[in-house]
Amino acid sequence: MKADDRYNHITTLEVEISSFTGGGYKVRYDFARKLISWNDGYMWNNNFMKSLTPGKYELITEKLPGTGMIEWMEGYNKGELAKYGVPTANPSSWRICINFDDGSDLVSSHTKNFPKNWTKLKEIIEATTECCFRLR
């Protein structure tokens, strides 16, 4: 299956960022159940679950392939950090877990190195959750 086609087969997408102190954010999209879950590691009372509206679902399906997320996740897993990532001075980390409709999954993470297209993914997350997705 081609990478672009795989975006159409994602059933859940979980994206997490965290600082070295343990604070951070996690968002989970459940496309089958049409839900967005938000976990705020700084303020537990900001946690929520809400429906994934048709407009937000359309935004994700239109823009997610343009992030190259699956490609850079696989690149990180192969150790191709220079090709897909940018070193950072702060010891923050990211983790992404994708589940596909065929039962397979793709998990990737790293510390002190963020994907070059991270901003594109962050913008999708912020537009669909209406929350800031950056570390304090």
N, C-alpha and C. Protein backbone atom coordinates (compact mmCIF):
# COMPACT_ATOMS: atom_id res chain seq x y z
N MET A 1 0.84 -1.18 0.00
CA MET A 1 0.00 0.00 0.00
C MET A 1 0.89 1.24 0.00
N LYS A 2 0.57 2.19 -0.88
CA LYS A 2 1.34 3.43 -0.95
C LYS A 2 1.12 4.28 0.30
N ALA A 3 2.11 5.09 0.65
CA ALA A 3 2.03 5.90 1.87
C ALA A 3 0.82 6.81 1.85
N ASP A 4 0.55 7.50 0.73
CA ASP A 4 -0.60 8.39 0.68
C ASP A 4 -1.90 7.64 0.91
N ASP A 5 -2.00 6.44 0.39
CA ASP A 5 -3.20 5.64 0.56
C ASP A 5 -3.38 5.20 2.02
N ARG A 6 -2.27 5.02 2.73
CA ARG A 6 -2.35 4.58 4.13
C ARG A 6 -3.05 5.60 5.02
N TYR A 7 -2.99 6.87 4.66
CA TYR A 7 -3.67 7.89 5.46
C TYR A 7 -5.18 7.65 5.49
N ASN A 8 -5.72 7.07 4.44
CA ASN A 8 -7.16 6.77 4.37
C ASN A 8 -7.54 5.56 5.21
N HIS A 9 -6.57 4.84 5.72
CA HIS A 9 -6.84 3.62 6.48
C HIS A 9 -6.51 3.75 7.96
N ILE A 10 -6.27 4.97 8.42
CA ILE A 10 -5.98 5.19 9.84
C ILE A 10 -7.29 5.12 10.63
N THR A 11 -7.29 4.31 11.68
CA THR A 11 -8.48 4.23 12.55
C THR A 11 -8.29 5.06 13.81
N THR A 12 -7.07 5.06 14.37
CA THR A 12 -6.77 5.93 15.51
C THR A 12 -5.40 6.55 15.31
N LEU A 13 -5.28 7.78 15.80
CA LEU A 13 -4.03 8.52 15.74
C LEU A 13 -3.83 9.16 17.10
N GLU A 14 -2.69 8.87 17.72
CA GLU A 14 -2.38 9.44 19.03
C GLU A 14 -1.04 10.17 18.93
N VAL A 15 -1.04 11.44 19.33
CA VAL A 15 0.16 12.27 19.26
C VAL A 15 0.42 12.84 20.64
N GLU A 16 1.67 12.70 21.10
CA GLU A 16 2.02 13.14 22.44
C GLU A 16 3.32 13.93 22.40
N ILE A 17 3.37 15.03 23.15
CA ILE A 17 4.61 15.77 23.35
C ILE A 17 4.81 15.91 24.85
N SER A 18 6.07 15.84 25.28
CA SER A 18 6.33 15.97 26.71
C SER A 18 7.70 16.61 26.94
N SER A 19 7.79 17.26 28.08
CA SER A 19 9.05 17.89 28.48
C SER A 19 9.82 16.93 29.38
N PHE A 20 11.05 17.27 29.67
CA PHE A 20 11.87 16.41 30.52
C PHE A 20 11.30 16.31 31.94
N THR A 21 10.47 17.25 32.34
CA THR A 21 9.86 17.21 33.67
C THR A 21 8.60 16.35 33.71
N GLY A 22 8.14 15.91 32.55
CA GLY A 22 6.98 15.03 32.50
C GLY A 22 5.70 15.73 32.09
N GLY A 23 5.69 17.05 32.02
CA GLY A 23 4.49 17.76 31.57
C GLY A 23 4.37 17.67 30.07
N GLY A 24 3.15 17.81 29.59
CA GLY A 24 2.96 17.79 28.15
C GLY A 24 1.51 17.58 27.79
N TYR A 25 1.29 17.21 26.52
CA TYR A 25 -0.06 17.04 26.00
C TYR A 25 -0.14 15.75 25.19
N LYS A 26 -1.35 15.19 25.18
CA LYS A 26 -1.61 14.03 24.33
C LYS A 26 -2.99 14.19 23.72
N VAL A 27 -3.07 14.00 22.43
CA VAL A 27 -4.35 14.05 21.73
C VAL A 27 -4.54 12.71 21.02
N ARG A 28 -5.77 12.22 21.07
CA ARG A 28 -6.09 10.95 20.42
C ARG A 28 -7.32 11.14 19.56
N TYR A 29 -7.18 10.79 18.29
CA TYR A 29 -8.30 10.83 17.36
C TYR A 29 -8.77 9.40 17.12
N ASP A 30 -10.03 9.15 17.39
CA ASP A 30 -10.63 7.85 17.10
C ASP A 30 -11.59 8.09 15.93
N PHE A 31 -11.14 7.76 14.73
CA PHE A 31 -11.92 8.07 13.54
C PHE A 31 -13.14 7.16 13.40
N ALA A 32 -13.06 5.94 13.91
CA ALA A 32 -14.20 5.03 13.83
C ALA A 32 -15.35 5.51 14.73
N ARG A 33 -15.00 5.99 15.91
CA ARG A 33 -16.01 6.45 16.86
C ARG A 33 -16.26 7.96 16.75
N LYS A 34 -15.48 8.64 15.91
CA LYS A 34 -15.59 10.09 15.70
C LYS A 34 -15.42 10.88 17.00
N LEU A 35 -14.31 10.58 17.71
CA LEU A 35 -14.02 11.24 18.98
C LEU A 35 -12.61 11.81 19.01
N ILE A 36 -12.46 12.91 19.74
CA ILE A 36 -11.16 13.51 20.04
C ILE A 36 -11.00 13.47 21.55
N SER A 37 -9.88 12.92 22.02
CA SER A 37 -9.56 12.92 23.45
C SER A 37 -8.34 13.81 23.66
N TRP A 38 -8.38 14.62 24.70
CA TRP A 38 -7.30 15.56 25.00
C TRP A 38 -6.84 15.32 26.43
N ASN A 39 -5.53 15.18 26.62
CA ASN A 39 -4.98 15.03 27.96
C ASN A 39 -3.94 16.11 28.17
N ASP A 40 -4.17 16.94 29.18
CA ASP A 40 -3.27 18.04 29.51
C ASP A 40 -2.45 17.63 30.72
N GLY A 41 -1.15 17.40 30.52
CA GLY A 41 -0.27 16.98 31.60
C GLY A 41 0.07 18.09 32.57
N TYR A 42 -0.29 19.31 32.24
CA TYR A 42 -0.03 20.44 33.13
C TYR A 42 -1.23 20.73 34.03
N MET A 43 -2.42 20.60 33.48
CA MET A 43 -3.64 20.91 34.23
C MET A 43 -4.67 19.84 33.96
N TRP A 44 -4.81 18.88 34.87
CA TRP A 44 -5.70 17.74 34.67
C TRP A 44 -7.14 18.18 34.42
N ASN A 45 -7.53 19.33 34.93
CA ASN A 45 -8.92 19.77 34.73
C ASN A 45 -9.17 20.29 33.31
N ASN A 46 -8.14 20.31 32.47
CA ASN A 46 -8.32 20.67 31.06
C ASN A 46 -8.52 19.45 30.17
N ASN A 47 -8.57 18.27 30.74
CA ASN A 47 -8.77 17.06 29.95
C ASN A 47 -10.20 17.04 29.41
N PHE A 48 -10.39 16.54 28.19
CA PHE A 48 -11.73 16.45 27.65
C PHE A 48 -11.82 15.39 26.57
N MET A 49 -13.06 15.07 26.23
CA MET A 49 -13.37 14.22 25.09
C MET A 49 -14.54 14.90 24.39
N LYS A 50 -14.44 15.02 23.07
CA LYS A 50 -15.53 15.62 22.32
C LYS A 50 -15.65 14.95 20.97
N SER A 51 -16.75 15.24 20.30
CA SER A 51 -16.98 14.61 19.01
C SER A 51 -16.10 15.24 17.94
N LEU A 52 -15.74 14.43 16.99
CA LEU A 52 -14.98 14.86 15.82
C LEU A 52 -16.02 15.25 14.77
N THR A 53 -16.23 16.55 14.60
CA THR A 53 -17.26 17.03 13.68
C THR A 53 -16.89 16.72 12.24
N PRO A 54 -17.87 16.70 11.35
CA PRO A 54 -17.55 16.45 9.94
C PRO A 54 -16.54 17.45 9.38
N GLY A 55 -16.63 18.71 9.77
CA GLY A 55 -15.69 19.72 9.29
C GLY A 55 -14.27 19.46 9.75
N LYS A 56 -14.11 19.08 11.01
CA LYS A 56 -12.78 18.78 11.54
C LYS A 56 -12.22 17.49 10.95
N TYR A 57 -13.10 16.51 10.74
CA TYR A 57 -12.67 15.27 10.11
C TYR A 57 -12.17 15.54 8.69
N GLU A 58 -12.89 16.38 7.96
CA GLU A 58 -12.50 16.74 6.60
C GLU A 58 -11.15 17.46 6.60
N LEU A 59 -10.95 18.37 7.55
CA LEU A 59 -9.68 19.09 7.66
C LEU A 59 -8.53 18.11 7.85
N ILE A 60 -8.71 17.14 8.73
CA ILE A 60 -7.67 16.15 8.99
C ILE A 60 -7.38 15.31 7.74
N THR A 61 -8.43 14.80 7.12
CA THR A 61 -8.22 13.92 5.97
C THR A 61 -7.61 14.66 4.79
N GLU A 62 -7.90 15.96 4.67
CA GLU A 62 -7.31 16.74 3.58
C GLU A 62 -5.86 17.10 3.84
N LYS A 63 -5.53 17.47 5.08
CA LYS A 63 -4.21 18.02 5.37
C LYS A 63 -3.18 17.03 5.91
N LEU A 64 -3.62 15.94 6.50
CA LEU A 64 -2.67 15.01 7.13
C LEU A 64 -1.67 14.42 6.13
N PRO A 65 -2.08 13.99 4.93
CA PRO A 65 -1.08 13.47 3.99
C PRO A 65 0.01 14.49 3.66
N GLY A 66 -0.32 15.77 3.66
CA GLY A 66 0.65 16.81 3.36
C GLY A 66 1.72 17.00 4.41
N THR A 67 1.52 16.42 5.59
CA THR A 67 2.53 16.51 6.64
C THR A 67 3.67 15.53 6.40
N GLY A 68 3.40 14.47 5.62
CA GLY A 68 4.40 13.42 5.42
C GLY A 68 4.63 12.61 6.69
N MET A 69 3.68 12.63 7.61
CA MET A 69 3.85 12.01 8.93
C MET A 69 4.24 10.53 8.87
N ILE A 70 3.55 9.76 8.07
CA ILE A 70 3.87 8.33 8.00
C ILE A 70 5.29 8.13 7.48
N GLU A 71 5.65 8.91 6.48
CA GLU A 71 6.99 8.78 5.90
C GLU A 71 8.06 9.14 6.91
N TRP A 72 7.89 10.25 7.65
CA TRP A 72 8.94 10.58 8.60
C TRP A 72 8.92 9.70 9.83
N MET A 73 7.77 9.16 10.18
CA MET A 73 7.75 8.18 11.29
C MET A 73 8.60 6.97 10.92
N GLU A 74 8.40 6.47 9.71
CA GLU A 74 9.21 5.33 9.24
C GLU A 74 10.68 5.71 9.13
N GLY A 75 10.96 6.93 8.70
CA GLY A 75 12.34 7.40 8.63
C GLY A 75 13.00 7.44 9.99
N TYR A 76 12.30 7.95 11.00
CA TYR A 76 12.84 7.95 12.36
C TYR A 76 13.10 6.52 12.83
N ASN A 77 12.18 5.62 12.54
CA ASN A 77 12.36 4.23 12.96
C ASN A 77 13.56 3.57 12.29
N LYS A 78 13.95 4.06 11.11
CA LYS A 78 15.13 3.55 10.41
C LYS A 78 16.40 4.28 10.82
N GLY A 79 16.27 5.31 11.66
CA GLY A 79 17.44 6.06 12.10
C GLY A 79 17.84 7.19 11.17
N GLU A 80 16.96 7.60 10.27
CA GLU A 80 17.27 8.65 9.30
C GLU A 80 16.95 10.03 9.88
N LEU A 81 17.56 10.35 11.01
CA LEU A 81 17.26 11.60 11.72
C LEU A 81 17.66 12.83 10.91
N ALA A 82 18.79 12.80 10.26
CA ALA A 82 19.25 13.96 9.50
C ALA A 82 18.31 14.27 8.33
N LYS A 83 17.73 13.25 7.75
CA LYS A 83 16.83 13.44 6.60
C LYS A 83 15.48 14.01 7.02
N TYR A 84 14.96 13.55 8.14
CA TYR A 84 13.59 13.92 8.53
C TYR A 84 13.49 14.85 9.73
N GLY A 85 14.56 15.00 10.50
CA GLY A 85 14.44 15.72 11.75
C GLY A 85 15.36 16.91 11.91
N VAL A 86 15.10 17.63 12.98
CA VAL A 86 15.91 18.79 13.36
C VAL A 86 16.24 18.66 14.84
N PRO A 87 17.53 18.67 15.20
CA PRO A 87 17.90 18.59 16.62
C PRO A 87 17.38 19.81 17.39
N THR A 88 17.02 19.60 18.63
CA THR A 88 16.58 20.69 19.50
C THR A 88 17.49 20.75 20.71
N ALA A 89 17.61 21.93 21.29
CA ALA A 89 18.46 22.10 22.47
C ALA A 89 17.76 21.60 23.73
N ASN A 90 16.45 21.74 23.77
CA ASN A 90 15.75 21.30 24.99
C ASN A 90 15.44 19.80 24.93
N PRO A 91 15.40 19.15 26.07
CA PRO A 91 15.18 17.70 26.10
C PRO A 91 13.69 17.31 26.05
N SER A 92 12.96 17.86 25.11
CA SER A 92 11.56 17.48 24.95
C SER A 92 11.46 16.28 24.01
N SER A 93 10.29 15.64 24.03
CA SER A 93 10.13 14.45 23.21
C SER A 93 8.74 14.41 22.58
N TRP A 94 8.60 13.57 21.57
CA TRP A 94 7.33 13.34 20.92
C TRP A 94 7.15 11.85 20.72
N ARG A 95 5.88 11.44 20.60
CA ARG A 95 5.54 10.04 20.34
C ARG A 95 4.24 10.02 19.55
N ILE A 96 4.22 9.23 18.50
CA ILE A 96 3.01 9.09 17.68
C ILE A 96 2.71 7.60 17.50
N CYS A 97 1.45 7.26 17.67
CA CYS A 97 1.00 5.89 17.46
C CYS A 97 -0.18 5.92 16.50
N ILE A 98 -0.09 5.16 15.42
CA ILE A 98 -1.15 5.06 14.43
C ILE A 98 -1.63 3.61 14.39
N ASN A 99 -2.93 3.43 14.41
CA ASN A 99 -3.53 2.11 14.18
C ASN A 99 -4.27 2.17 12.85
N PHE A 100 -4.08 1.11 12.04
CA PHE A 100 -4.70 1.04 10.72
C PHE A 100 -5.85 0.05 10.74
N ASP A 101 -6.73 0.15 9.75
CA ASP A 101 -7.92 -0.70 9.72
C ASP A 101 -7.62 -2.17 9.45
N ASP A 102 -6.40 -2.51 9.05
CA ASP A 102 -6.04 -3.91 8.87
C ASP A 102 -5.46 -4.54 10.14
N GLY A 103 -5.46 -3.77 11.23
CA GLY A 103 -4.95 -4.27 12.50
C GLY A 103 -3.48 -3.96 12.75
N SER A 104 -2.78 -3.44 11.77
CA SER A 104 -1.37 -3.10 11.95
C SER A 104 -1.25 -1.74 12.63
N ASP A 105 -0.06 -1.46 13.13
CA ASP A 105 0.18 -0.15 13.74
C ASP A 105 1.56 0.35 13.39
N LEU A 106 1.77 1.63 13.64
CA LEU A 106 3.05 2.28 13.41
C LEU A 106 3.27 3.20 14.60
N VAL A 107 4.41 3.01 15.28
CA VAL A 107 4.75 3.82 16.45
C VAL A 107 6.14 4.39 16.24
N SER A 108 6.28 5.66 16.55
CA SER A 108 7.57 6.31 16.42
C SER A 108 7.69 7.37 17.50
N SER A 109 8.92 7.61 17.96
CA SER A 109 9.15 8.63 18.99
C SER A 109 10.61 9.04 18.97
N HIS A 110 10.87 10.20 19.58
CA HIS A 110 12.24 10.63 19.72
C HIS A 110 12.33 11.74 20.75
N THR A 111 13.52 11.94 21.26
CA THR A 111 13.82 13.00 22.22
C THR A 111 14.90 13.89 21.64
N LYS A 112 14.77 15.19 21.84
CA LYS A 112 15.73 16.19 21.39
C LYS A 112 15.92 16.22 19.87
N ASN A 113 14.89 15.81 19.14
CA ASN A 113 14.92 15.87 17.70
C ASN A 113 13.47 15.81 17.21
N PHE A 114 13.02 16.88 16.57
CA PHE A 114 11.64 16.93 16.09
C PHE A 114 11.60 16.91 14.57
N PRO A 115 10.56 16.30 14.00
CA PRO A 115 10.43 16.24 12.55
C PRO A 115 10.38 17.63 11.91
N LYS A 116 10.95 17.72 10.73
CA LYS A 116 10.96 19.00 10.01
C LYS A 116 9.54 19.50 9.73
N ASN A 117 8.61 18.60 9.51
CA ASN A 117 7.22 18.99 9.22
C ASN A 117 6.34 18.97 10.46
N TRP A 118 6.94 19.02 11.64
CA TRP A 118 6.16 18.99 12.88
C TRP A 118 5.13 20.12 12.93
N THR A 119 5.50 21.30 12.46
CA THR A 119 4.59 22.45 12.52
C THR A 119 3.31 22.18 11.75
N LYS A 120 3.38 21.50 10.63
CA LYS A 120 2.17 21.17 9.86
C LYS A 120 1.23 20.28 10.67
N LEU A 121 1.79 19.28 11.35
CA LEU A 121 0.97 18.40 12.19
C LEU A 121 0.41 19.17 13.38
N LYS A 122 1.23 20.00 14.00
CA LYS A 122 0.80 20.81 15.14
C LYS A 122 -0.36 21.71 14.76
N GLU A 123 -0.31 22.30 13.59
CA GLU A 123 -1.40 23.19 13.13
C GLU A 123 -2.71 22.42 12.96
N ILE A 124 -2.65 21.21 12.47
CA ILE A 124 -3.85 20.38 12.34
C ILE A 124 -4.42 20.07 13.72
N ILE A 125 -3.54 19.71 14.65
CA ILE A 125 -3.98 19.40 16.02
C ILE A 125 -4.63 20.61 16.66
N GLU A 126 -3.99 21.76 16.54
CA GLU A 126 -4.54 22.97 17.16
C GLU A 126 -5.86 23.38 16.52
N ALA A 127 -6.00 23.21 15.22
CA ALA A 127 -7.25 23.58 14.54
C ALA A 127 -8.40 22.65 14.92
N THR A 128 -8.10 21.39 15.17
CA THR A 128 -9.17 20.43 15.47
C THR A 128 -9.50 20.32 16.96
N THR A 129 -8.54 20.64 17.82
CA THR A 129 -8.81 20.58 19.27
C THR A 129 -9.14 21.94 19.85
N GLU A 130 -8.75 22.99 19.12
CA GLU A 130 -8.91 24.37 19.59
C GLU A 130 -8.10 24.61 20.87
N CYS A 131 -6.97 23.92 20.96
CA CYS A 131 -6.05 24.04 22.09
C CYS A 131 -4.62 24.24 21.57
N CYS A 132 -3.80 24.87 22.36
CA CYS A 132 -2.39 25.06 22.04
C CYS A 132 -1.65 23.74 22.24
N PHE A 133 -0.87 23.32 21.25
CA PHE A 133 -0.14 22.05 21.32
C PHE A 133 1.35 22.33 21.28
N ARG A 134 1.84 23.06 22.29
CA ARG A 134 3.28 23.29 22.41
C ARG A 134 3.63 23.27 23.89
N LEU A 135 4.86 22.91 24.16
CA LEU A 135 5.31 22.75 25.54
C LEU A 135 5.54 24.11 26.18
N ARG A 136 5.35 24.13 27.47
CA ARG A 136 5.60 25.37 28.23
C ARG A 136 7.04 25.48 28.63
